[in-house]
C-alpha atoms as a PDB file:
ATOM      1  CA  MET A   1      13.329  -1.194   9.529  1.00  0.00           C
ATOM      2  CA  ILE A   2      10.574  -0.382   6.867  1.00  0.00           C
ATOM      3  CA  LEU A   3       7.928  -2.524   5.761  1.00  0.00           C
ATOM      4  CA  LEU A   4       7.220  -1.760   1.840  1.00  0.00           C
ATOM      5  CA  THR A   5       3.640  -3.236   0.547  1.00  0.00           C
ATOM      6  CA  GLY A   6       3.548  -3.793  -2.905  1.00  0.00           C
ATOM      7  CA  GLY A   7       7.374  -4.379  -3.249  1.00  0.00           C
ATOM      8  CA  THR A   8       7.074  -6.260  -5.626  1.00  0.00           C
ATOM      9  CA  GLY A   9       5.152  -3.799  -8.455  1.00  0.00           C
ATOM     10  CA  PHE A  10       6.875  -1.267 -10.751  1.00  0.00           C
ATOM     11  CA  VAL A  11       6.701   1.255  -8.444  1.00  0.00           C
ATOM     12  CA  GLY A  12       7.814  -0.882  -5.455  1.00  0.00           C
ATOM     13  CA  ARG A  13      10.593  -2.469  -7.306  1.00  0.00           C
ATOM     14  CA  ALA A  14      12.515   0.912  -7.653  1.00  0.00           C
ATOM     15  CA  LEU A  15      11.755   2.030  -4.250  1.00  0.00           C
ATOM     16  CA  ALA A  16      12.958  -0.886  -2.336  1.00  0.00           C
ATOM     17  CA  ARG A  17      16.428  -0.315  -4.973  1.00  0.00           C
ATOM     18  CA  GLN A  18      16.449   3.189  -3.944  1.00  0.00           C
ATOM     19  CA  LEU A  19      15.752   2.643  -0.411  1.00  0.00           C
ATOM     20  CA  VAL A  20      18.682  -0.232   0.021  1.00  0.00           C
ATOM     21  CA  GLU A  21      20.668   1.687  -1.978  1.00  0.00           C
ATOM     22  CA  ALA A  22      20.329   4.920   0.698  1.00  0.00           C
ATOM     23  CA  GLY A  23      21.094   2.739   3.229  1.00  0.00           C
ATOM     24  CA  HIS A  24      17.867   1.606   4.977  1.00  0.00           C
ATOM     25  CA  ASP A  25      16.627  -1.887   5.599  1.00  0.00           C
ATOM     26  CA  VAL A  26      13.864  -3.155   3.989  1.00  0.00           C
ATOM     27  CA  ARG A  27      11.334  -6.192   4.848  1.00  0.00           C
ATOM     28  CA  ILE A  28       9.169  -6.614   1.863  1.00  0.00           C
ATOM     29  CA  LEU A  29       5.386  -7.872   3.032  1.00  0.00           C
ATOM     30  CA  ILE A  30       3.995 -10.448  -0.544  1.00  0.00           C
ATOM     31  CA  ARG A  31       0.951 -12.390  -0.181  1.00  0.00           C
ATOM     32  CA  PRO A  32       0.620 -15.867  -0.392  1.00  0.00           C
ATOM     33  CA  SER A  33       0.781 -17.317  -4.161  1.00  0.00           C
ATOM     34  CA  PRO A  34       1.795 -20.262  -6.092  1.00  0.00           C
ATOM     35  CA  LYS A  35       3.640 -17.521  -7.988  1.00  0.00           C
ATOM     36  CA  ASN A  36       6.911 -16.386  -7.420  1.00  0.00           C
ATOM     37  CA  PRO A  37       7.117 -12.934  -6.786  1.00  0.00           C
ATOM     38  CA  ARG A  38       8.613 -10.196  -9.024  1.00  0.00           C
ATOM     39  CA  LEU A  39      11.747  -9.430  -5.795  1.00  0.00           C
ATOM     40  CA  PRO A  40      14.205  -6.215  -7.172  1.00  0.00           C
ATOM     41  CA  LYS A  41      16.882  -8.334  -8.701  1.00  0.00           C
ATOM     42  CA  GLY A  42      20.193  -7.603  -7.057  1.00  0.00           C
ATOM     43  CA  VAL A  43      18.728  -5.747  -3.912  1.00  0.00           C
ATOM     44  CA  PRO A  44      19.092  -7.695  -0.251  1.00  0.00           C
ATOM     45  CA  VAL A  45      15.942  -7.099   1.474  1.00  0.00           C
ATOM     46  CA  GLU A  46      14.233  -9.578   4.089  1.00  0.00           C
ATOM     47  CA  VAL A  47      10.886 -10.871   3.008  1.00  0.00           C
ATOM     48  CA  SER A  48       7.718 -11.618   4.983  1.00  0.00           C
ATOM     49  CA  VAL A  49       4.757 -14.083   3.666  1.00  0.00           C
ATOM     50  CA  VAL A  50       1.761 -12.722   4.781  1.00  0.00           C
ATOM     51  CA  SER A  51      -1.608 -10.882   3.309  1.00  0.00           C
ATOM     52  CA  LEU A  52      -2.759  -7.762   4.445  1.00  0.00           C
ATOM     53  CA  THR A  53      -5.921  -9.109   6.070  1.00  0.00           C
ATOM     54  CA  ASP A  54      -4.119 -11.129   8.581  1.00  0.00           C
ATOM     55  CA  LEU A  55      -4.157  -9.700  11.526  1.00  0.00           C
ATOM     56  CA  ARG A  56      -1.503 -11.964  13.792  1.00  0.00           C
ATOM     57  CA  GLY A  57       0.431 -12.206  10.617  1.00  0.00           C
ATOM     58  CA  LEU A  58       1.338  -8.479  10.242  1.00  0.00           C
ATOM     59  CA  ARG A  59       1.734  -8.147  14.023  1.00  0.00           C
ATOM     60  CA  ALA A  60       4.827 -10.522  13.358  1.00  0.00           C
ATOM     61  CA  ALA A  61       5.424  -8.664  10.040  1.00  0.00           C
ATOM     62  CA  LEU A  62       5.499  -5.648  11.516  1.00  0.00           C
ATOM     63  CA  ARG A  63       8.734  -6.404  14.730  1.00  0.00           C
ATOM     64  CA  GLY A  64      11.241  -4.182  14.970  1.00  0.00           C
ATOM     65  CA  VAL A  65       9.757  -1.890  11.866  1.00  0.00           C
ATOM     66  CA  ASP A  66       9.006   1.632  11.897  1.00  0.00           C
ATOM     67  CA  HIS A  67       8.166   3.295   9.183  1.00  0.00           C
ATOM     68  CA  ILE A  68       6.258   1.540   6.210  1.00  0.00           C
ATOM     69  CA  TYR A  69       5.587   2.639   2.446  1.00  0.00           C
ATOM     70  CA  HIS A  70       1.817   1.397   1.725  1.00  0.00           C
ATOM     71  CA  LEU A  71       2.356   0.301  -1.586  1.00  0.00           C
ATOM     72  CA  ALA A  72      -0.187  -2.227  -2.835  1.00  0.00           C
ATOM     73  CA  GLY A  73      -3.372  -2.299  -4.954  1.00  0.00           C
ATOM     74  CA  GLY A  74      -6.041  -3.938  -6.095  1.00  0.00           C
ATOM     75  CA  GLU A  75      -6.516  -2.550  -9.605  1.00  0.00           C
ATOM     76  CA  SER A  76      -4.133  -4.951 -11.926  1.00  0.00           C
ATOM     77  CA  SER A  77      -5.726  -8.564 -10.006  1.00  0.00           C
ATOM     78  CA  ASN A  78      -9.533  -7.321  -8.910  1.00  0.00           C
ATOM     79  CA  GLN A  79      -8.904  -6.910  -5.454  1.00  0.00           C
ATOM     80  CA  LEU A  80     -10.019  -3.575  -4.280  1.00  0.00           C
ATOM     81  CA  PHE A  81     -11.945  -4.462  -1.405  1.00  0.00           C
ATOM     82  CA  GLU A  82      -9.069  -6.838   0.477  1.00  0.00           C
ATOM     83  CA  THR A  83      -5.901  -5.310  -1.099  1.00  0.00           C
ATOM     84  CA  ASP A  84      -6.807  -1.134  -0.713  1.00  0.00           C
ATOM     85  CA  ILE A  85      -9.883  -1.666   1.611  1.00  0.00           C
ATOM     86  CA  GLU A  86      -9.764  -4.193   4.204  1.00  0.00           C
ATOM     87  CA  GLY A  87      -5.844  -4.467   3.740  1.00  0.00           C
ATOM     88  CA  THR A  88      -5.506  -1.205   4.319  1.00  0.00           C
ATOM     89  CA  ARG A  89      -7.707  -0.930   7.476  1.00  0.00           C
ATOM     90  CA  THR A  90      -5.849  -4.450   8.504  1.00  0.00           C
ATOM     91  CA  LEU A  91      -2.808  -2.861   8.125  1.00  0.00           C
ATOM     92  CA  VAL A  92      -3.153   0.343  10.466  1.00  0.00           C
ATOM     93  CA  GLN A  93      -4.828  -1.228  13.325  1.00  0.00           C
ATOM     94  CA  ALA A  94      -1.632  -3.385  13.232  1.00  0.00           C
ATOM     95  CA  ALA A  95       0.946  -0.649  12.504  1.00  0.00           C
ATOM     96  CA  GLY A  96      -0.892   0.869  16.024  1.00  0.00           C
ATOM     97  CA  GLU A  97      -0.488  -1.811  17.700  1.00  0.00           C
ATOM     98  CA  ALA A  98       3.110  -2.210  17.004  1.00  0.00           C
ATOM     99  CA  GLY A  99       4.680   1.266  17.407  1.00  0.00           C
ATOM    100  CA  VAL A 100       5.048   2.901  13.698  1.00  0.00           C
ATOM    101  CA  GLN A 101       5.784   6.038  13.209  1.00  0.00           C
ATOM    102  CA  GLN A 102       4.960   6.531   9.836  1.00  0.00           C
ATOM    103  CA  ILE A 103       2.487   4.826   7.747  1.00  0.00           C
ATOM    104  CA  ILE A 104       3.756   6.830   3.781  1.00  0.00           C
ATOM    105  CA  TYR A 105       0.560   5.788   1.580  1.00  0.00           C
ATOM    106  CA  LEU A 106       0.870   6.547  -2.420  1.00  0.00           C
ATOM    107  CA  SER A 107      -2.424   7.266  -3.186  1.00  0.00           C
ATOM    108  CA  HIS A 108      -4.067   8.462  -6.462  1.00  0.00           C
ATOM    109  CA  LEU A 109      -5.080  11.825  -7.981  1.00  0.00           C
ATOM    110  CA  GLY A 110      -8.886  12.064  -7.593  1.00  0.00           C
ATOM    111  CA  ALA A 111      -8.927   9.371  -4.639  1.00  0.00           C
ATOM    112  CA  ASP A 112     -12.385   9.891  -2.788  1.00  0.00           C
ATOM    113  CA  ARG A 113     -14.680   7.606  -1.206  1.00  0.00           C
ATOM    114  CA  ALA A 114     -18.008   9.187  -3.182  1.00  0.00           C
ATOM    115  CA  SER A 115     -16.077   8.508  -6.600  1.00  0.00           C
ATOM    116  CA  ALA A 116     -17.863   6.462  -9.111  1.00  0.00           C
ATOM    117  CA  PHE A 117     -14.920   4.721 -10.516  1.00  0.00           C
ATOM    118  CA  PRO A 118     -14.002   1.553  -8.331  1.00  0.00           C
ATOM    119  CA  VAL A 119     -10.287   2.150  -7.943  1.00  0.00           C
ATOM    120  CA  LEU A 120     -10.960   6.141  -7.097  1.00  0.00           C
ATOM    121  CA  LYS A 121     -13.878   5.369  -4.089  1.00  0.00           C
ATOM    122  CA  ALA A 122     -11.072   2.526  -2.904  1.00  0.00           C
ATOM    123  CA  LYS A 123      -8.062   4.598  -2.815  1.00  0.00           C
ATOM    124  CA  GLY A 124     -10.354   7.308  -1.159  1.00  0.00           C
ATOM    125  CA  ILE A 125     -11.377   4.845   1.734  1.00  0.00           C
ATOM    126  CA  ALA A 126      -8.201   3.430   1.812  1.00  0.00           C
ATOM    127  CA  GLU A 127      -7.208   7.024   2.705  1.00  0.00           C
ATOM    128  CA  GLU A 128      -9.841   7.405   5.400  1.00  0.00           C
ATOM    129  CA  HIS A 129      -8.308   4.136   6.999  1.00  0.00           C
ATOM    130  CA  ILE A 130      -5.322   6.168   7.796  1.00  0.00           C
ATOM    131  CA  ARG A 131      -6.323   9.631   8.353  1.00  0.00           C
ATOM    132  CA  ASN A 132      -8.114   7.525  11.459  1.00  0.00           C
ATOM    133  CA  GLY A 133      -5.588   5.760  12.112  1.00  0.00           C
ATOM    134  CA  LYS A 134      -2.771   5.872  15.473  1.00  0.00           C
ATOM    135  CA  VAL A 135      -0.160   6.293  13.282  1.00  0.00           C
ATOM    136  CA  ASN A 136       1.177   9.352  11.905  1.00  0.00           C
ATOM    137  CA  TYR A 137       1.186   9.548   7.970  1.00  0.00           C
ATOM    138  CA  THR A 138       1.686  10.992   4.854  1.00  0.00           C
ATOM    139  CA  ILE A 139      -0.326  10.750   1.709  1.00  0.00           C
ATOM    140  CA  LEU A 140       1.153  11.046  -2.153  1.00  0.00           C
ATOM    141  CA  ARG A 141      -1.632  11.463  -4.669  1.00  0.00           C
ATOM    142  CA  SER A 142      -0.255  10.779  -7.908  1.00  0.00           C
ATOM    143  CA  SER A 143      -0.320  11.386 -11.439  1.00  0.00           C
ATOM    144  CA  ILE A 144       0.080   8.314 -13.774  1.00  0.00           C
ATOM    145  CA  ILE A 145       3.460   6.426 -13.469  1.00  0.00           C
ATOM    146  CA  PHE A 146       5.444   6.193 -16.564  1.00  0.00           C
ATOM    147  CA  GLY A 147       8.394   3.687 -17.085  1.00  0.00           C
ATOM    148  CA  PRO A 148      10.420   0.921 -18.169  1.00  0.00           C
ATOM    149  CA  GLY A 149       7.479  -1.437 -17.652  1.00  0.00           C
ATOM    150  CA  ASP A 150       4.796   0.383 -16.188  1.00  0.00           C
ATOM    151  CA  ASN A 151       1.341  -0.561 -16.861  1.00  0.00           C
ATOM    152  CA  PHE A 152       0.276   2.940 -18.791  1.00  0.00           C
ATOM    153  CA  THR A 153       3.266   3.112 -22.102  1.00  0.00           C
ATOM    154  CA  GLU A 154       3.747  -0.197 -22.512  1.00  0.00           C
ATOM    155  CA  SER A 155      -0.087  -1.029 -22.450  1.00  0.00           C
ATOM    156  CA  LEU A 156      -0.625   1.646 -24.664  1.00  0.00           C
ATOM    157  CA  ALA A 157       2.240   0.806 -27.083  1.00  0.00           C
ATOM    158  CA  HIS A 158       0.857  -2.921 -26.905  1.00  0.00           C
ATOM    159  CA  LEU A 159      -1.907  -2.125 -27.899  1.00  0.00           C
ATOM    160  CA  VAL A 160      -0.987   0.086 -30.677  1.00  0.00           C
ATOM    161  CA  ARG A 161       1.537  -2.523 -32.280  1.00  0.00           C
ATOM    162  CA  ILE A 162      -1.684  -5.426 -32.157  1.00  0.00           C
ATOM    163  CA  ALA A 163      -4.003  -2.606 -33.523  1.00  0.00           C
ATOM    164  CA  PRO A 164      -5.401  -3.191 -36.582  1.00  0.00           C
ATOM    165  CA  GLY A 165      -4.871   0.008 -38.445  1.00  0.00           C
ATOM    166  CA  VAL A 166      -6.977   1.925 -36.447  1.00  0.00           C
ATOM    167  CA  VAL A 167      -6.236   3.296 -32.121  1.00  0.00           C
ATOM    168  CA  PHE A 168     -10.701   3.951 -30.369  1.00  0.00           C
ATOM    169  CA  LEU A 169      -9.645   6.446 -27.537  1.00  0.00           C
ATOM    170  CA  PRO A 170     -11.950   7.766 -25.230  1.00  0.00           C
ATOM    171  CA  SER A 171     -14.139  10.888 -24.554  1.00  0.00           C
ATOM    172  CA  LYS A 172     -12.106  12.008 -28.506  1.00  0.00           C
ATOM    173  CA  GLY A 173      -9.626  11.643 -26.247  1.00  0.00           C
ATOM    174  CA  GLU A 174      -9.902  14.741 -24.670  1.00  0.00           C
ATOM    175  CA  VAL A 175      -8.774  13.706 -21.181  1.00  0.00           C
ATOM    176  CA  ARG A 176      -6.209  15.571 -19.294  1.00  0.00           C
ATOM    177  CA  LEU A 177      -3.270  13.502 -18.163  1.00  0.00           C
ATOM    178  CA  GLN A 178       0.366  14.367 -16.135  1.00  0.00           C
ATOM    179  CA  PRO A 179       2.618  11.692 -16.672  1.00  0.00           C
ATOM    180  CA  LEU A 180       5.064  11.383 -13.911  1.00  0.00           C
ATOM    181  CA  PHE A 181       8.528   9.315 -14.256  1.00  0.00           C
ATOM    182  CA  VAL A 182       8.956   6.828 -11.802  1.00  0.00           C
ATOM    183  CA  GLU A 183      11.702   8.113 -10.479  1.00  0.00           C
ATOM    184  CA  ASP A 184      10.846  10.881  -9.703  1.00  0.00           C
ATOM    185  CA  LEU A 185       8.344   9.263  -7.878  1.00  0.00           C
ATOM    186  CA  VAL A 186       9.923   6.866  -5.813  1.00  0.00           C
ATOM    187  CA  THR A 187      12.621  10.315  -5.066  1.00  0.00           C
ATOM    188  CA  SER A 188       9.247  12.078  -3.468  1.00  0.00           C
ATOM    189  CA  LEU A 189       8.611   8.982  -1.791  1.00  0.00           C
ATOM    190  CA  LEU A 190      12.128   9.043  -0.045  1.00  0.00           C
ATOM    191  CA  TRP A 191      12.282  12.642   1.103  1.00  0.00           C
ATOM    192  CA  SER A 192       8.796  11.882   2.668  1.00  0.00           C
ATOM    193  CA  LEU A 193      10.401   9.709   4.899  1.00  0.00           C
ATOM    194  CA  GLY A 194      10.618  11.269   8.353  1.00  0.00           C
ATOM    195  CA  ASN A 195       9.859  14.630   7.250  1.00  0.00           C
ATOM    196  CA  PRO A 196       8.029  16.279   9.897  1.00  0.00           C
ATOM    197  CA  GLU A 197       7.180  18.583   6.722  1.00  0.00           C
ATOM    198  CA  PHE A 198       4.823  16.357   5.850  1.00  0.00           C
ATOM    199  CA  GLU A 199       3.550  14.879   8.974  1.00  0.00           C
ATOM    200  CA  ASN A 200      -0.464  14.328   8.522  1.00  0.00           C
ATOM    201  CA  GLU A 201      -0.234  15.586   5.579  1.00  0.00           C
ATOM    202  CA  MET A 202      -1.403  14.750   1.611  1.00  0.00           C
ATOM    203  CA  ARG A 203       0.975  16.303  -1.359  1.00  0.00           C
ATOM    204  CA  GLU A 204      -1.041  16.028  -4.985  1.00  0.00           C
ATOM    205  CA  ILE A 205       2.300  15.787  -7.287  1.00  0.00           C
ATOM    206  CA  GLY A 206       2.194  15.016 -10.789  1.00  0.00           C
ATOM    207  CA  GLY A 207       4.812  15.573 -14.151  1.00  0.00           C
ATOM    208  CA  SER A 208       5.491  18.925 -15.654  1.00  0.00           C
ATOM    209  CA  GLU A 209       3.295  18.823 -17.779  1.00  0.00           C
ATOM    210  CA  TYR A 210      -0.694  17.993 -19.238  1.00  0.00           C
ATOM    211  CA  PHE A 211      -0.790  16.125 -22.796  1.00  0.00           C
ATOM    212  CA  THR A 212      -4.163  14.815 -24.130  1.00  0.00           C
ATOM    213  CA  LEU A 213      -4.532  11.078 -24.471  1.00  0.00           C
ATOM    214  CA  HIS A 214      -4.997  11.785 -28.700  1.00  0.00           C
ATOM    215  CA  GLN A 215      -1.055  13.612 -28.104  1.00  0.00           C
ATOM    216  CA  ILE A 216       0.023  10.937 -26.142  1.00  0.00           C
ATOM    217  CA  ILE A 217      -1.141   8.096 -28.540  1.00  0.00           C
ATOM    218  CA  GLU A 218       0.051  10.492 -31.498  1.00  0.00           C
ATOM    219  CA  ILE A 219       3.548  10.516 -28.757  1.00  0.00           C
ATOM    220  CA  ILE A 220       4.113   6.674 -28.305  1.00  0.00           C
ATOM    221  CA  LEU A 221       3.449   6.122 -31.983  1.00  0.00           C
ATOM    222  CA  SER A 222       6.816   8.476 -32.758  1.00  0.00           C
ATOM    223  CA  ALA A 223       8.144   6.228 -29.891  1.00  0.00           C
ATOM    224  CA  THR A 224       7.413   2.397 -32.017  1.00  0.00           C
ATOM    225  CA  GLY A 225       7.111   3.771 -35.472  1.00  0.00           C
ATOM    226  CA  LYS A 226       4.166   3.269 -35.577  1.00  0.00           C
ATOM    227  CA  LYS A 227       1.161   4.803 -37.670  1.00  0.00           C
ATOM    228  CA  ARG A 228      -2.948   4.615 -36.830  1.00  0.00           C
ATOM    229  CA  LEU A 229      -5.846   6.707 -37.544  1.00  0.00           C
ATOM    230  CA  ILE A 230      -6.579   7.593 -33.770  1.00  0.00           C
ATOM    231  CA  LEU A 231     -10.676   7.881 -33.721  1.00  0.00           C
ATOM    232  CA  PRO A 232     -12.636   8.519 -31.053  1.00  0.00           C
ATOM    233  CA  ALA A 233     -15.549   6.161 -29.524  1.00  0.00           C
ATOM    234  CA  SER A 234     -17.907   6.001 -26.903  1.00  0.00           C
ATOM    235  CA  THR A 235     -16.702   4.778 -23.258  1.00  0.00           C
ATOM    236  CA  PRO A 236     -19.489   1.986 -22.725  1.00  0.00           C
ATOM    237  CA  ILE A 237     -18.988   0.712 -26.158  1.00  0.00           C
ATOM    238  CA  LEU A 238     -15.307   0.469 -25.637  1.00  0.00           C
ATOM    239  CA  ARG A 239     -16.172  -0.889 -21.956  1.00  0.00           C
ATOM    240  CA  VAL A 240     -18.145  -3.847 -23.978  1.00  0.00           C
ATOM    241  CA  LEU A 241     -15.227  -4.144 -26.510  1.00  0.00           C
ATOM    242  CA  ASN A 242     -12.523  -4.251 -24.559  1.00  0.00           C
ATOM    243  CA  VAL A 243     -14.960  -6.630 -21.243  1.00  0.00           C
ATOM    244  CA  LEU A 244     -15.474  -9.544 -24.859  1.00  0.00           C
ATOM    245  CA  LEU A 245     -11.186  -8.748 -25.953  1.00  0.00           C
ATOM    246  CA  GLN A 246     -10.325  -9.806 -22.094  1.00  0.00           C
ATOM    247  CA  ALA A 247     -12.453 -13.313 -22.354  1.00  0.00           C
ATOM    248  CA  PHE A 248     -10.983 -14.102 -25.393  1.00  0.00           C
ATOM    249  CA  PHE A 249      -7.305 -12.749 -25.213  1.00  0.00           C
ATOM    250  CA  PRO A 250      -5.986 -12.697 -21.222  1.00  0.00           C
ATOM    251  CA  LYS A 251      -3.270 -10.646 -21.684  1.00  0.00           C
ATOM    252  CA  TYR A 252      -4.548  -8.070 -23.304  1.00  0.00           C
ATOM    253  CA  PRO A 253      -2.925  -4.477 -22.366  1.00  0.00           C
ATOM    254  CA  VAL A 254      -6.237  -2.246 -21.145  1.00  0.00           C
ATOM    255  CA  SER A 255      -8.132  -3.243 -18.013  1.00  0.00           C
ATOM    256  CA  GLY A 256     -11.263  -1.861 -16.986  1.00  0.00           C
ATOM    257  CA  PHE A 257      -9.608  -0.098 -14.154  1.00  0.00           C
ATOM    258  CA  PHE A 258      -7.762   1.731 -16.830  1.00  0.00           C
ATOM    259  CA  LEU A 259     -10.735   2.616 -18.426  1.00  0.00           C
ATOM    260  CA  ASP A 260     -11.768   4.537 -15.416  1.00  0.00           C
ATOM    261  CA  TYR A 261      -8.517   6.351 -14.985  1.00  0.00           C
ATOM    262  CA  LEU A 262      -8.750   7.681 -18.519  1.00  0.00           C
ATOM    263  CA  ALA A 263     -12.546   8.342 -17.882  1.00  0.00           C
ATOM    264  CA  THR A 264     -11.763  12.173 -16.665  1.00  0.00           C
ATOM    265  CA  ASP A 265      -8.904  14.348 -15.974  1.00  0.00           C
ATOM    266  CA  ARG A 266      -6.539  13.174 -13.708  1.00  0.00           C
ATOM    267  CA  THR A 267      -4.468  16.199 -13.507  1.00  0.00           C
ATOM    268  CA  CYS A 268      -2.829  18.737 -10.356  1.00  0.00           C
ATOM    269  CA  GLU A 269      -0.538  21.858 -10.105  1.00  0.00           C
ATOM    270  CA  THR A 270       2.296  21.088 -12.459  1.00  0.00           C
ATOM    271  CA  ASP A 271       4.948  23.165 -10.704  1.00  0.00           C
ATOM    272  CA  SER A 272       3.619  20.729  -7.535  1.00  0.00           C
ATOM    273  CA  LEU A 273       7.401  18.879  -8.042  1.00  0.00           C
ATOM    274  CA  PRO A 274       9.323  22.018  -7.768  1.00  0.00           C
ATOM    275  CA  ARG A 275       7.258  23.676  -5.036  1.00  0.00           C
ATOM    276  CA  ILE A 276       7.374  20.356  -2.565  1.00  0.00           C
ATOM    277  CA  PHE A 277      10.208  18.919  -3.120  1.00  0.00           C
ATOM    278  CA  GLY A 278      12.309  21.567  -5.122  1.00  0.00           C
ATOM    279  CA  LEU A 279      12.768  18.191  -7.740  1.00  0.00           C
ATOM    280  CA  MET A 280      12.381  18.740 -11.630  1.00  0.00           C
ATOM    281  CA  PRO A 281      10.330  16.113 -12.745  1.00  0.00           C
ATOM    282  CA  ALA A 282      11.333  14.701 -16.133  1.00  0.00           C
ATOM    283  CA  ARG A 283      10.140  15.574 -19.901  1.00  0.00           C
ATOM    284  CA  PHE A 284       7.777  13.113 -20.521  1.00  0.00           C
ATOM    285  CA  THR A 285       9.184  13.048 -24.254  1.00  0.00           C
ATOM    286  CA  TYR A 286      12.530  12.403 -23.022  1.00  0.00           C
ATOM    287  CA  ARG A 287      12.136   9.301 -21.695  1.00  0.00           C
ATOM    288  CA  LEU A 288      10.557   7.067 -23.344  1.00  0.00           C
ATOM    289  CA  ASP A 289      13.963   4.880 -25.135  1.00  0.00           C
ATOM    290  CA  TYR A 290      12.107   1.409 -23.763  1.00  0.00           C
ATOM    291  CA  LEU A 291       9.083   1.617 -25.934  1.00  0.00           C
ATOM    292  CA  ARG A 292      11.933   1.294 -29.229  1.00  0.00           C
ATOM    293  CA  ARG A 293      12.158  -2.321 -29.946  1.00  0.00           C
ATOM    294  CA  LYS A 294      15.493  -3.881 -30.418  1.00  0.00           C
ATOM    295  CA  SER A 295      15.778  -6.270 -33.528  1.00  0.00           C
ATOM    296  CA  TRP A 296      17.065  -9.556 -32.897  1.00  0.00           C
ATOM    297  CA  LEU A 297      19.932  -8.387 -34.677  1.00  0.00           C
ATOM    298  CA  THR A 298      20.778  -5.633 -32.359  1.00  0.00           C
ATOM    299  CA  LYS A 299      20.279  -8.135 -29.629  1.00  0.00           C
ATOM    300  CA  LEU A 300      22.757 -10.855 -30.677  1.00  0.00           C
ATOM    301  CA  ARG A 301      25.378  -7.966 -31.576  1.00  0.00           C
ATOM    302  CA  LYS A 302      25.374  -6.298 -28.147  1.00  0.00           C
ATOM    303  CA  ALA A 303      25.006 -10.198 -26.325  1.00  0.00           C
ATOM    304  CA  SER A 304      28.474 -10.449 -28.440  1.00  0.00           C
ATOM    305  CA  ARG A 305      29.434  -7.670 -27.584  1.00  0.00           C
ATOM    306  CA  ARG A 306      29.506  -8.741 -23.420  1.00  0.00           C
ATOM    307  CA  LYS A 307      31.533 -12.120 -24.449  1.00  0.00           C
ATOM    308  CA  ALA A 308      33.920 -10.658 -25.714  1.00  0.00           C
END
């Protein structure tokens, strides 16, 4: 049995699907919430409703579990301390008591407890909890992930759609990123399962190309068919503007944590996936069809064909 935290998230849903297709039994850990969880559709999984900081509840959720995929993170809900730090510490403790064989943890490039950025600091502390635990581990530090339903390209696409003719970029848009396709990340996670080569090791992985943020915005403008003027702006000013926009527009697509991620380069070696996993990553520009909005007429025609 495999326990999956963060199984209702962007990466977690894709991983749950591939794990089940590979013949594994999967149990998804879901935090108590009044909202309906976004479980992977059509994927037969067990569900355990328990908070990551509930040691007794985790002990029950870990019965019969041999491996853990720890994907849960608090950057989307402002719960970094509770989820990434305390949650990971409690999970590691419970896993050691339950005799779990391996924890596979998804972290970020640049994770460091000394980082000035809250998300990267929290990930660095979480990594330390895992290293200091009693369970064998594999840590994958990933570059930024893209794919249908992501919080990266789709957020930027939404931003350029609502932008009033101008898109402002922090750091002159010169920050370098290395987008990694979600299915390639999931394959890497799968191949890390029970692999002695990665026992108690950390690996950094990313896509096969570097892009500046300015280039990525241009690519997204092309994919969405939009035209916007791209201008640099001071990062502190953008942070203040971002806070104001979020206060008036709760669904504003850019969070403060996202600006943190765009503050410095987030890259590793471009041959990381071929070298570590023998996997050739998908090209960023070839996998953005999902950003092209289809007209209501096209959707109606497709629905009519299905009924026919």
